[in-house]
All heavy atoms as atom14 arrays in JSON, in Angstrom:
{
  "sequence": "AYNRMIAAIQQLNPIDRELIALLTTERFSYREIAKLLDISETNVKVK",
  "atom14_mask": [
    [1, 1, 1, 1, 1, 0, 0, 0, 0, 0, 0, 0, 0, 0],
    [1, 1, 1, 1, 1, 1, 1, 1, 1, 1, 1, 1, 0, 0],
    [1, 1, 1, 1, 1, 1, 1, 1, 0, 0, 0, 0, 0, 0],
    [1, 1, 1, 1, 1, 1, 1, 1, 1, 1, 1, 0, 0, 0],
    [1, 1, 1, 1, 1, 1, 1, 1, 0, 0, 0, 0, 0, 0],
    [1, 1, 1, 1, 1, 1, 1, 1, 0, 0, 0, 0, 0, 0],
    [1, 1, 1, 1, 1, 0, 0, 0, 0, 0, 0, 0, 0, 0],
    [1, 1, 1, 1, 1, 0, 0, 0, 0, 0, 0, 0, 0, 0],
    [1, 1, 1, 1, 1, 1, 1, 1, 0, 0, 0, 0, 0, 0],
    [1, 1, 1, 1, 1, 1, 1, 1, 1, 0, 0, 0, 0, 0],
    [1, 1, 1, 1, 1, 1, 1, 1, 1, 0, 0, 0, 0, 0],
    [1, 1, 1, 1, 1, 1, 1, 1, 0, 0, 0, 0, 0, 0],
    [1, 1, 1, 1, 1, 1, 1, 1, 0, 0, 0, 0, 0, 0],
    [1, 1, 1, 1, 1, 1, 1, 0, 0, 0, 0, 0, 0, 0],
    [1, 1, 1, 1, 1, 1, 1, 1, 0, 0, 0, 0, 0, 0],
    [1, 1, 1, 1, 1, 1, 1, 1, 0, 0, 0, 0, 0, 0],
    [1, 1, 1, 1, 1, 1, 1, 1, 1, 1, 1, 0, 0, 0],
    [1, 1, 1, 1, 1, 1, 1, 1, 1, 0, 0, 0, 0, 0],
    [1, 1, 1, 1, 1, 1, 1, 1, 0, 0, 0, 0, 0, 0],
    [1, 1, 1, 1, 1, 1, 1, 1, 0, 0, 0, 0, 0, 0],
    [1, 1, 1, 1, 1, 0, 0, 0, 0, 0, 0, 0, 0, 0],
    [1, 1, 1, 1, 1, 1, 1, 1, 0, 0, 0, 0, 0, 0],
    [1, 1, 1, 1, 1, 1, 1, 1, 0, 0, 0, 0, 0, 0],
    [1, 1, 1, 1, 1, 1, 1, 0, 0, 0, 0, 0, 0, 0],
    [1, 1, 1, 1, 1, 1, 1, 0, 0, 0, 0, 0, 0, 0],
    [1, 1, 1, 1, 1, 1, 1, 1, 1, 0, 0, 0, 0, 0],
    [1, 1, 1, 1, 1, 1, 1, 1, 1, 1, 1, 0, 0, 0],
    [1, 1, 1, 1, 1, 1, 1, 1, 1, 1, 1, 0, 0, 0],
    [1, 1, 1, 1, 1, 1, 0, 0, 0, 0, 0, 0, 0, 0],
    [1, 1, 1, 1, 1, 1, 1, 1, 1, 1, 1, 1, 0, 0],
    [1, 1, 1, 1, 1, 1, 1, 1, 1, 1, 1, 0, 0, 0],
    [1, 1, 1, 1, 1, 1, 1, 1, 1, 0, 0, 0, 0, 0],
    [1, 1, 1, 1, 1, 1, 1, 1, 0, 0, 0, 0, 0, 0],
    [1, 1, 1, 1, 1, 0, 0, 0, 0, 0, 0, 0, 0, 0],
    [1, 1, 1, 1, 1, 1, 1, 1, 1, 0, 0, 0, 0, 0],
    [1, 1, 1, 1, 1, 1, 1, 1, 0, 0, 0, 0, 0, 0],
    [1, 1, 1, 1, 1, 1, 1, 1, 0, 0, 0, 0, 0, 0],
    [1, 1, 1, 1, 1, 1, 1, 1, 0, 0, 0, 0, 0, 0],
    [1, 1, 1, 1, 1, 1, 1, 1, 0, 0, 0, 0, 0, 0],
    [1, 1, 1, 1, 1, 1, 0, 0, 0, 0, 0, 0, 0, 0],
    [1, 1, 1, 1, 1, 1, 1, 1, 1, 0, 0, 0, 0, 0],
    [1, 1, 1, 1, 1, 1, 1, 0, 0, 0, 0, 0, 0, 0],
    [1, 1, 1, 1, 1, 1, 1, 1, 0, 0, 0, 0, 0, 0],
    [1, 1, 1, 1, 1, 1, 1, 0, 0, 0, 0, 0, 0, 0],
    [1, 1, 1, 1, 1, 1, 1, 1, 1, 0, 0, 0, 0, 0],
    [1, 1, 1, 1, 1, 1, 1, 0, 0, 0, 0, 0, 0, 0],
    [1, 1, 1, 1, 1, 1, 1, 1, 1, 0, 0, 0, 0, 0]
  ],
  "atom14_positions": [
    [[0.72, -31.22, 3.3], [-0.18, -30.6, 4.27], [-1.48, -30.18, 3.59], [-2.58, -30.39, 4.13], [0.49, -29.38, 4.91], [0.0, 0.0, 0.0], [0.0, 0.0, 0.0], [0.0, 0.0, 0.0], [0.0, 0.0, 0.0], [0.0, 0.0, 0.0], [0.0, 0.0, 0.0], [0.0, 0.0, 0.0], [0.0, 0.0, 0.0], [0.0, 0.0, 0.0]],
    [[-1.37, -29.64, 2.39], [-2.56, -29.22, 1.64], [-3.43, -30.43, 1.3], [-4.64, -30.41, 1.51], [-2.12, -28.5, 0.36], [-3.28, -28.11, -0.51], [-4.04, -26.99, -0.2], [-3.62, -28.86, -1.62], [-5.12, -26.63, -0.98], [-4.7, -28.5, -2.41], [-5.43, -27.4, -2.09], [-6.51, -27.05, -2.86], [0.0, 0.0, 0.0], [0.0, 0.0, 0.0]],
    [[-2.8, -31.49, 0.79], [-3.56, -32.7, 0.44], [-4.2, -33.33, 1.67], [-5.31, -33.85, 1.6], [-2.66, -33.71, -0.27], [-2.34, -33.28, -1.69], [-3.05, -32.48, -2.28], [-1.26, -33.8, -2.23], [0.0, 0.0, 0.0], [0.0, 0.0, 0.0], [0.0, 0.0, 0.0], [0.0, 0.0, 0.0], [0.0, 0.0, 0.0], [0.0, 0.0, 0.0]],
    [[-3.49, -33.27, 2.8], [-4.05, -33.81, 4.05], [-5.29, -33.01, 4.46], [-6.3, -33.57, 4.89], [-2.98, -33.75, 5.13], [-3.39, -34.38, 6.42], [-2.19, -34.47, 7.37], [-2.66, -34.93, 8.66], [-2.47, -34.28, 9.79], [-1.78, -33.17, 9.8], [-2.95, -34.75, 10.92], [0.0, 0.0, 0.0], [0.0, 0.0, 0.0], [0.0, 0.0, 0.0]],
    [[-5.21, -31.68, 4.34], [-6.35, -30.84, 4.7], [-7.53, -31.09, 3.76], [-8.66, -31.23, 4.21], [-5.95, -29.36, 4.65], [-7.09, -28.41, 4.97], [-7.78, -28.62, 6.63], [-6.53, -27.84, 7.58], [0.0, 0.0, 0.0], [0.0, 0.0, 0.0], [0.0, 0.0, 0.0], [0.0, 0.0, 0.0], [0.0, 0.0, 0.0], [0.0, 0.0, 0.0]],
    [[-7.28, -31.17, 2.47], [-8.35, -31.44, 1.51], [-8.98, -32.8, 1.79], [-10.21, -32.95, 1.78], [-7.83, -31.37, 0.05], [-7.45, -29.92, -0.3], [-8.85, -31.91, -0.94], [-8.61, -28.95, -0.32], [0.0, 0.0, 0.0], [0.0, 0.0, 0.0], [0.0, 0.0, 0.0], [0.0, 0.0, 0.0], [0.0, 0.0, 0.0], [0.0, 0.0, 0.0]],
    [[-8.16, -33.81, 2.08], [-8.68, -35.14, 2.39], [-9.53, -35.1, 3.66], [-10.57, -35.75, 3.74], [-7.53, -36.14, 2.54], [0.0, 0.0, 0.0], [0.0, 0.0, 0.0], [0.0, 0.0, 0.0], [0.0, 0.0, 0.0], [0.0, 0.0, 0.0], [0.0, 0.0, 0.0], [0.0, 0.0, 0.0], [0.0, 0.0, 0.0], [0.0, 0.0, 0.0]],
    [[-9.09, -34.33, 4.65], [-9.85, -34.21, 5.9], [-11.18, -33.51, 5.65], [-12.22, -33.93, 6.17], [-9.03, -33.46, 6.94], [0.0, 0.0, 0.0], [0.0, 0.0, 0.0], [0.0, 0.0, 0.0], [0.0, 0.0, 0.0], [0.0, 0.0, 0.0], [0.0, 0.0, 0.0], [0.0, 0.0, 0.0], [0.0, 0.0, 0.0], [0.0, 0.0, 0.0]],
    [[-11.16, -32.46, 4.85], [-12.4, -31.75, 4.52], [-13.37, -32.67, 3.79], [-14.57, -32.64, 4.03], [-12.11, -30.47, 3.71], [-11.42, -29.43, 4.6], [-13.38, -29.9, 3.09], [-10.91, -28.21, 3.86], [0.0, 0.0, 0.0], [0.0, 0.0, 0.0], [0.0, 0.0, 0.0], [0.0, 0.0, 0.0], [0.0, 0.0, 0.0], [0.0, 0.0, 0.0]],
    [[-12.84, -33.54, 2.93], [-13.69, -34.46, 2.18], [-14.37, -35.49, 3.09], [-15.39, -36.06, 2.74], [-12.89, -35.17, 1.09], [-12.48, -34.27, -0.04], [-13.66, -33.6, -0.7], [-14.57, -34.27, -1.17], [-13.66, -32.29, -0.73], [0.0, 0.0, 0.0], [0.0, 0.0, 0.0], [0.0, 0.0, 0.0], [0.0, 0.0, 0.0], [0.0, 0.0, 0.0]],
    [[-13.81, -35.71, 4.29], [-14.41, -36.65, 5.23], [-15.59, -36.04, 6.0], [-16.36, -36.76, 6.63], [-13.36, -37.16, 6.22], [-12.34, -38.05, 5.57], [-11.32, -38.55, 6.56], [-11.6, -38.73, 7.73], [-10.11, -38.78, 6.08], [0.0, 0.0, 0.0], [0.0, 0.0, 0.0], [0.0, 0.0, 0.0], [0.0, 0.0, 0.0], [0.0, 0.0, 0.0]],
    [[-15.72, -34.72, 5.95], [-16.86, -34.07, 6.59], [-18.12, -34.36, 5.8], [-18.08, -34.66, 4.61], [-16.63, -32.56, 6.65], [-15.48, -32.05, 7.5], [-15.31, -30.55, 7.29], [-15.7, -32.36, 8.96], [0.0, 0.0, 0.0], [0.0, 0.0, 0.0], [0.0, 0.0, 0.0], [0.0, 0.0, 0.0], [0.0, 0.0, 0.0], [0.0, 0.0, 0.0]],
    [[-19.27, -34.24, 6.48], [-20.52, -34.42, 5.74], [-20.7, -33.22, 4.8], [-20.05, -32.18, 4.98], [-21.7, -34.62, 6.69], [-22.02, -33.38, 7.52], [-22.1, -32.27, 7.01], [-22.19, -33.57, 8.81], [0.0, 0.0, 0.0], [0.0, 0.0, 0.0], [0.0, 0.0, 0.0], [0.0, 0.0, 0.0], [0.0, 0.0, 0.0], [0.0, 0.0, 0.0]],
    [[-21.53, -33.36, 3.78], [-21.64, -32.3, 2.75], [-21.98, -30.92, 3.3], [-21.44, -29.92, 2.81], [-22.75, -32.82, 1.84], [-22.7, -34.3, 1.99], [-22.32, -34.54, 3.43], [0.0, 0.0, 0.0], [0.0, 0.0, 0.0], [0.0, 0.0, 0.0], [0.0, 0.0, 0.0], [0.0, 0.0, 0.0], [0.0, 0.0, 0.0], [0.0, 0.0, 0.0]],
    [[-22.82, -30.83, 4.3], [-23.2, -29.51, 4.83], [-22.01, -28.87, 5.54], [-21.72, -27.69, 5.33], [-24.41, -29.63, 5.78], [-25.64, -30.03, 4.97], [-24.65, -28.34, 6.53], [-26.85, -30.36, 5.8], [0.0, 0.0, 0.0], [0.0, 0.0, 0.0], [0.0, 0.0, 0.0], [0.0, 0.0, 0.0], [0.0, 0.0, 0.0], [0.0, 0.0, 0.0]],
    [[-21.29, -29.65, 6.35], [-20.11, -29.12, 7.04], [-19.05, -28.71, 6.03], [-18.41, -27.67, 6.18], [-19.52, -30.17, 7.99], [-20.4, -30.41, 9.2], [-21.33, -29.61, 9.44], [-20.16, -31.4, 9.91], [0.0, 0.0, 0.0], [0.0, 0.0, 0.0], [0.0, 0.0, 0.0], [0.0, 0.0, 0.0], [0.0, 0.0, 0.0], [0.0, 0.0, 0.0]],
    [[-18.86, -29.52, 5.0], [-17.88, -29.22, 3.97], [-18.23, -27.9, 3.28], [-17.37, -27.05, 3.04], [-17.83, -30.38, 2.97], [-16.74, -30.28, 1.97], [-16.56, -31.55, 1.15], [-17.76, -32.12, 0.64], [-18.17, -33.37, 0.84], [-17.45, -34.2, 1.54], [-19.3, -33.81, 0.32], [0.0, 0.0, 0.0], [0.0, 0.0, 0.0], [0.0, 0.0, 0.0]],
    [[-19.49, -27.72, 2.99], [-19.92, -26.49, 2.33], [-19.75, -25.27, 3.23], [-19.29, -24.22, 2.79], [-21.37, -26.61, 1.88], [-21.85, -25.41, 1.12], [-23.21, -25.61, 0.52], [-23.85, -26.63, 0.76], [-23.63, -24.7, -0.2], [0.0, 0.0, 0.0], [0.0, 0.0, 0.0], [0.0, 0.0, 0.0], [0.0, 0.0, 0.0], [0.0, 0.0, 0.0]],
    [[-20.08, -25.41, 4.5], [-19.91, -24.3, 5.44], [-18.45, -23.9, 5.55], [-18.12, -22.71, 5.52], [-20.46, -24.68, 6.81], [-21.97, -24.66, 6.95], [-22.39, -25.33, 8.26], [-22.5, -23.25, 6.89], [0.0, 0.0, 0.0], [0.0, 0.0, 0.0], [0.0, 0.0, 0.0], [0.0, 0.0, 0.0], [0.0, 0.0, 0.0], [0.0, 0.0, 0.0]],
    [[-17.58, -24.87, 5.69], [-16.14, -24.58, 5.77], [-15.67, -23.9, 4.49], [-14.93, -22.92, 4.52], [-15.33, -25.87, 6.04], [-15.65, -26.45, 7.42], [-13.84, -25.64, 5.86], [-15.18, -25.62, 8.58], [0.0, 0.0, 0.0], [0.0, 0.0, 0.0], [0.0, 0.0, 0.0], [0.0, 0.0, 0.0], [0.0, 0.0, 0.0], [0.0, 0.0, 0.0]],
    [[-16.13, -24.38, 3.36], [-15.73, -23.8, 2.08], [-16.21, -22.36, 1.95], [-15.46, -21.48, 1.52], [-16.26, -24.64, 0.93], [0.0, 0.0, 0.0], [0.0, 0.0, 0.0], [0.0, 0.0, 0.0], [0.0, 0.0, 0.0], [0.0, 0.0, 0.0], [0.0, 0.0, 0.0], [0.0, 0.0, 0.0], [0.0, 0.0, 0.0], [0.0, 0.0, 0.0]],
    [[-17.46, -22.1, 2.31], [-17.99, -20.74, 2.22], [-17.27, -19.8, 3.18], [-16.94, -18.66, 2.82], [-19.49, -20.73, 2.53], [-20.41, -21.19, 1.41], [-21.82, -21.38, 1.94], [-20.39, -20.2, 0.27], [0.0, 0.0, 0.0], [0.0, 0.0, 0.0], [0.0, 0.0, 0.0], [0.0, 0.0, 0.0], [0.0, 0.0, 0.0], [0.0, 0.0, 0.0]],
    [[-17.02, -20.26, 4.38], [-16.39, -19.41, 5.38], [-14.94, -19.1, 5.04], [-14.48, -17.98, 5.25], [-16.47, -20.08, 6.75], [-16.16, -19.2, 7.94], [-17.16, -18.04, 8.01], [-16.21, -19.99, 9.22], [0.0, 0.0, 0.0], [0.0, 0.0, 0.0], [0.0, 0.0, 0.0], [0.0, 0.0, 0.0], [0.0, 0.0, 0.0], [0.0, 0.0, 0.0]],
    [[-14.23, -20.06, 4.48], [-12.82, -19.84, 4.19], [-12.59, -19.01, 2.93], [-11.46, -18.62, 2.67], [-12.05, -21.17, 4.09], [-12.68, -21.99, 3.13], [-11.98, -21.86, 5.43], [0.0, 0.0, 0.0], [0.0, 0.0, 0.0], [0.0, 0.0, 0.0], [0.0, 0.0, 0.0], [0.0, 0.0, 0.0], [0.0, 0.0, 0.0], [0.0, 0.0, 0.0]],
    [[-13.63, -18.75, 2.16], [-13.46, -17.86, 1.01], [-13.25, -16.43, 1.47], [-12.77, -15.6, 0.72], [-14.67, -17.89, 0.07], [-15.81, -17.43, 0.78], [-14.89, -19.25, -0.52], [0.0, 0.0, 0.0], [0.0, 0.0, 0.0], [0.0, 0.0, 0.0], [0.0, 0.0, 0.0], [0.0, 0.0, 0.0], [0.0, 0.0, 0.0], [0.0, 0.0, 0.0]],
    [[-13.61, -16.14, 2.71], [-13.5, -14.81, 3.31], [-14.29, -13.76, 2.54], [-14.04, -12.59, 2.64], [-12.02, -14.39, 3.43], [-11.23, -15.31, 4.33], [-9.77, -14.91, 4.43], [-9.39, -13.83, 3.94], [-9.02, -15.7, 5.0], [0.0, 0.0, 0.0], [0.0, 0.0, 0.0], [0.0, 0.0, 0.0], [0.0, 0.0, 0.0], [0.0, 0.0, 0.0]],
    [[-15.23, -14.22, 1.79], [-16.07, -13.29, 1.04], [-17.41, -13.09, 1.72], [-18.02, -12.03, 1.61], [-16.27, -13.83, -0.38], [-17.15, -12.95, -1.23], [-17.25, -13.48, -2.63], [-18.28, -12.82, -3.37], [-18.09, -11.72, -4.1], [-16.91, -11.19, -4.17], [-19.09, -11.18, -4.76], [0.0, 0.0, 0.0], [0.0, 0.0, 0.0], [0.0, 0.0, 0.0]],
    [[-17.85, -14.1, 2.43], [-19.18, -14.06, 3.02], [-19.13, -13.98, 4.54], [-18.32, -14.63, 5.18], [-19.98, -15.31, 2.63], [-20.26, -15.39, 1.16], [-19.64, -16.34, 0.37], [-21.15, -14.52, 0.56], [-19.9, -16.42, -0.97], [-21.42, -14.59, -0.78], [-20.79, -15.54, -1.56], [0.0, 0.0, 0.0], [0.0, 0.0, 0.0], [0.0, 0.0, 0.0]],
    [[-20.05, -13.2, 5.08], [-20.22, -13.14, 6.53], [-21.15, -14.29, 6.94], [-21.76, -14.95, 6.1], [-20.85, -11.8, 6.92], [-22.18, -11.72, 6.42], [0.0, 0.0, 0.0], [0.0, 0.0, 0.0], [0.0, 0.0, 0.0], [0.0, 0.0, 0.0], [0.0, 0.0, 0.0], [0.0, 0.0, 0.0], [0.0, 0.0, 0.0], [0.0, 0.0, 0.0]],
    [[-21.26, -14.49, 8.24], [-22.19, -15.52, 8.73], [-23.62, -15.23, 8.26], [-24.36, -16.13, 7.9], [-22.15, -15.6, 10.26], [-20.93, -16.27, 10.81], [-19.95, -15.55, 11.47], [-20.75, -17.65, 10.68], [-18.83, -16.18, 11.99], [-19.64, -18.28, 11.19], [-18.68, -17.54, 11.84], [-17.57, -18.16, 12.35], [0.0, 0.0, 0.0], [0.0, 0.0, 0.0]],
    [[-23.98, -13.97, 8.25], [-25.33, -13.58, 7.83], [-25.56, -13.93, 6.35], [-26.6, -14.45, 5.97], [-25.53, -12.08, 8.05], [-26.91, -11.6, 7.57], [-27.14, -10.17, 7.92], [-27.34, -10.13, 9.38], [-27.06, -9.08, 10.14], [-26.57, -8.0, 9.62], [-27.27, -9.13, 11.43], [0.0, 0.0, 0.0], [0.0, 0.0, 0.0], [0.0, 0.0, 0.0]],
    [[-24.56, -13.65, 5.52], [-24.69, -13.95, 4.09], [-24.73, -15.46, 3.84], [-25.48, -15.93, 2.99], [-23.54, -13.31, 3.32], [-23.61, -11.8, 3.31], [-22.34, -11.13, 2.82], [-21.25, -11.68, 3.03], [-22.45, -10.06, 2.21], [0.0, 0.0, 0.0], [0.0, 0.0, 0.0], [0.0, 0.0, 0.0], [0.0, 0.0, 0.0], [0.0, 0.0, 0.0]],
    [[-23.94, -16.2, 4.6], [-23.96, -17.67, 4.48], [-25.33, -18.19, 4.88], [-25.88, -19.09, 4.23], [-22.84, -18.31, 5.32], [-21.47, -17.96, 4.73], [-23.01, -19.82, 5.4], [-20.29, -18.34, 5.59], [0.0, 0.0, 0.0], [0.0, 0.0, 0.0], [0.0, 0.0, 0.0], [0.0, 0.0, 0.0], [0.0, 0.0, 0.0], [0.0, 0.0, 0.0]],
    [[-25.9, -17.63, 5.94], [-27.23, -18.04, 6.39], [-28.26, -17.81, 5.29], [-29.12, -18.67, 5.04], [-27.61, -17.27, 7.65], [0.0, 0.0, 0.0], [0.0, 0.0, 0.0], [0.0, 0.0, 0.0], [0.0, 0.0, 0.0], [0.0, 0.0, 0.0], [0.0, 0.0, 0.0], [0.0, 0.0, 0.0], [0.0, 0.0, 0.0], [0.0, 0.0, 0.0]],
    [[-28.17, -16.69, 4.59], [-29.1, -16.42, 3.5], [-28.9, -17.39, 2.34], [-29.86, -17.86, 1.74], [-28.95, -14.98, 3.01], [-29.51, -13.96, 3.95], [-29.33, -12.55, 3.4], [-29.82, -11.51, 4.39], [-29.59, -10.14, 3.91], [0.0, 0.0, 0.0], [0.0, 0.0, 0.0], [0.0, 0.0, 0.0], [0.0, 0.0, 0.0], [0.0, 0.0, 0.0]],
    [[-27.63, -17.67, 2.02], [-27.34, -18.6, 0.92], [-27.9, -19.99, 1.2], [-28.42, -20.64, 0.3], [-25.83, -18.73, 0.71], [-25.15, -17.68, -0.15], [-23.65, -17.86, -0.09], [-25.63, -17.77, -1.58], [0.0, 0.0, 0.0], [0.0, 0.0, 0.0], [0.0, 0.0, 0.0], [0.0, 0.0, 0.0], [0.0, 0.0, 0.0], [0.0, 0.0, 0.0]],
    [[-27.76, -20.44, 2.45], [-28.17, -21.8, 2.8], [-29.59, -21.87, 3.37], [-30.07, -22.95, 3.71], [-27.18, -22.4, 3.8], [-25.73, -22.48, 3.3], [-24.83, -23.06, 4.38], [-25.65, -23.3, 2.02], [0.0, 0.0, 0.0], [0.0, 0.0, 0.0], [0.0, 0.0, 0.0], [0.0, 0.0, 0.0], [0.0, 0.0, 0.0], [0.0, 0.0, 0.0]],
    [[-30.22, -20.71, 3.52], [-31.58, -20.63, 4.02], [-31.71, -21.24, 5.43], [-32.6, -22.05, 5.7], [-32.56, -21.3, 3.05], [-34.0, -20.88, 3.31], [-34.2, -19.75, 3.78], [-34.91, -21.7, 3.06], [0.0, 0.0, 0.0], [0.0, 0.0, 0.0], [0.0, 0.0, 0.0], [0.0, 0.0, 0.0], [0.0, 0.0, 0.0], [0.0, 0.0, 0.0]],
    [[-30.78, -20.84, 6.31], [-30.85, -21.21, 7.72], [-30.53, -19.97, 8.53], [-30.07, -18.96, 7.98], [-29.88, -22.36, 8.08], [-28.43, -22.01, 7.74], [-30.28, -23.65, 7.41], [-27.41, -23.08, 8.12], [0.0, 0.0, 0.0], [0.0, 0.0, 0.0], [0.0, 0.0, 0.0], [0.0, 0.0, 0.0], [0.0, 0.0, 0.0], [0.0, 0.0, 0.0]],
    [[-30.74, -20.01, 9.84], [-30.51, -18.83, 10.66], [-29.01, -18.58, 10.85], [-28.2, -19.5, 10.76], [-31.17, -18.99, 12.03], [-30.47, -19.94, 12.81], [0.0, 0.0, 0.0], [0.0, 0.0, 0.0], [0.0, 0.0, 0.0], [0.0, 0.0, 0.0], [0.0, 0.0, 0.0], [0.0, 0.0, 0.0], [0.0, 0.0, 0.0], [0.0, 0.0, 0.0]],
    [[-28.68, -17.34, 11.14], [-27.28, -16.97, 11.36], [-26.71, -17.71, 12.58], [-25.57, -18.18, 12.55], [-27.17, -15.46, 11.56], [-25.76, -14.96, 11.72], [-25.69, -13.45, 11.85], [-26.7, -12.75, 11.64], [-24.6, -12.97, 12.19], [0.0, 0.0, 0.0], [0.0, 0.0, 0.0], [0.0, 0.0, 0.0], [0.0, 0.0, 0.0], [0.0, 0.0, 0.0]],
    [[-27.5, -17.85, 13.62], [-27.07, -18.58, 14.81], [-26.79, -20.03, 14.47], [-25.8, -20.61, 14.93], [-28.16, -18.48, 15.91], [-28.42, -17.1, 16.17], [-27.7, -19.17, 17.18], [0.0, 0.0, 0.0], [0.0, 0.0, 0.0], [0.0, 0.0, 0.0], [0.0, 0.0, 0.0], [0.0, 0.0, 0.0], [0.0, 0.0, 0.0], [0.0, 0.0, 0.0]],
    [[-27.65, -20.61, 13.66], [-27.46, -22.0, 13.24], [-26.17, -22.15, 12.44], [-25.45, -23.14, 12.59], [-28.67, -22.46, 12.42], [-28.77, -23.96, 12.32], [-27.97, -24.7, 12.87], [-29.77, -24.41, 11.58], [0.0, 0.0, 0.0], [0.0, 0.0, 0.0], [0.0, 0.0, 0.0], [0.0, 0.0, 0.0], [0.0, 0.0, 0.0], [0.0, 0.0, 0.0]],
    [[-25.85, -21.18, 11.62], [-24.6, -21.21, 10.85], [-23.41, -21.22, 11.81], [-22.49, -22.02, 11.66], [-24.49, -20.0, 9.89], [-23.1, -19.89, 9.31], [-25.51, -20.12, 8.78], [0.0, 0.0, 0.0], [0.0, 0.0, 0.0], [0.0, 0.0, 0.0], [0.0, 0.0, 0.0], [0.0, 0.0, 0.0], [0.0, 0.0, 0.0], [0.0, 0.0, 0.0]],
    [[-23.45, -20.34, 12.81], [-22.34, -20.27, 13.77], [-22.16, -21.58, 14.52], [-21.03, -22.04, 14.69], [-22.58, -19.12, 14.76], [-22.45, -17.76, 14.12], [-22.76, -16.66, 15.11], [-22.69, -15.3, 14.44], [-23.01, -14.21, 15.38], [0.0, 0.0, 0.0], [0.0, 0.0, 0.0], [0.0, 0.0, 0.0], [0.0, 0.0, 0.0], [0.0, 0.0, 0.0]],
    [[-23.26, -22.18, 14.95], [-23.19, -23.45, 15.67], [-22.64, -24.55, 14.75], [-21.74, -25.31, 15.13], [-24.58, -23.84, 16.22], [-24.59, -25.26, 16.74], [-25.01, -22.87, 17.31], [0.0, 0.0, 0.0], [0.0, 0.0, 0.0], [0.0, 0.0, 0.0], [0.0, 0.0, 0.0], [0.0, 0.0, 0.0], [0.0, 0.0, 0.0], [0.0, 0.0, 0.0]],
    [[-23.16, -24.62, 13.54], [-22.72, -25.65, 12.59], [-21.24, -25.48, 12.22], [-20.52, -26.46, 12.1], [-23.6, -25.64, 11.34], [-24.98, -26.22, 11.56], [-25.8, -26.12, 10.29], [-27.18, -26.67, 10.46], [-27.24, -28.11, 10.38], [0.0, 0.0, 0.0], [0.0, 0.0, 0.0], [0.0, 0.0, 0.0], [0.0, 0.0, 0.0], [0.0, 0.0, 0.0]]
  ]
}
């Protein structure tokens, strides 16, 4: 199951993969992710 999830994540485009990775660390809020990636918080939520 873990390998299947990692393989599925690898099929995402790099931006989506990074967003999923940042969000699942549970360390960053949407606002903090937006600052890290230099995009709006709303854009982060949509993406």
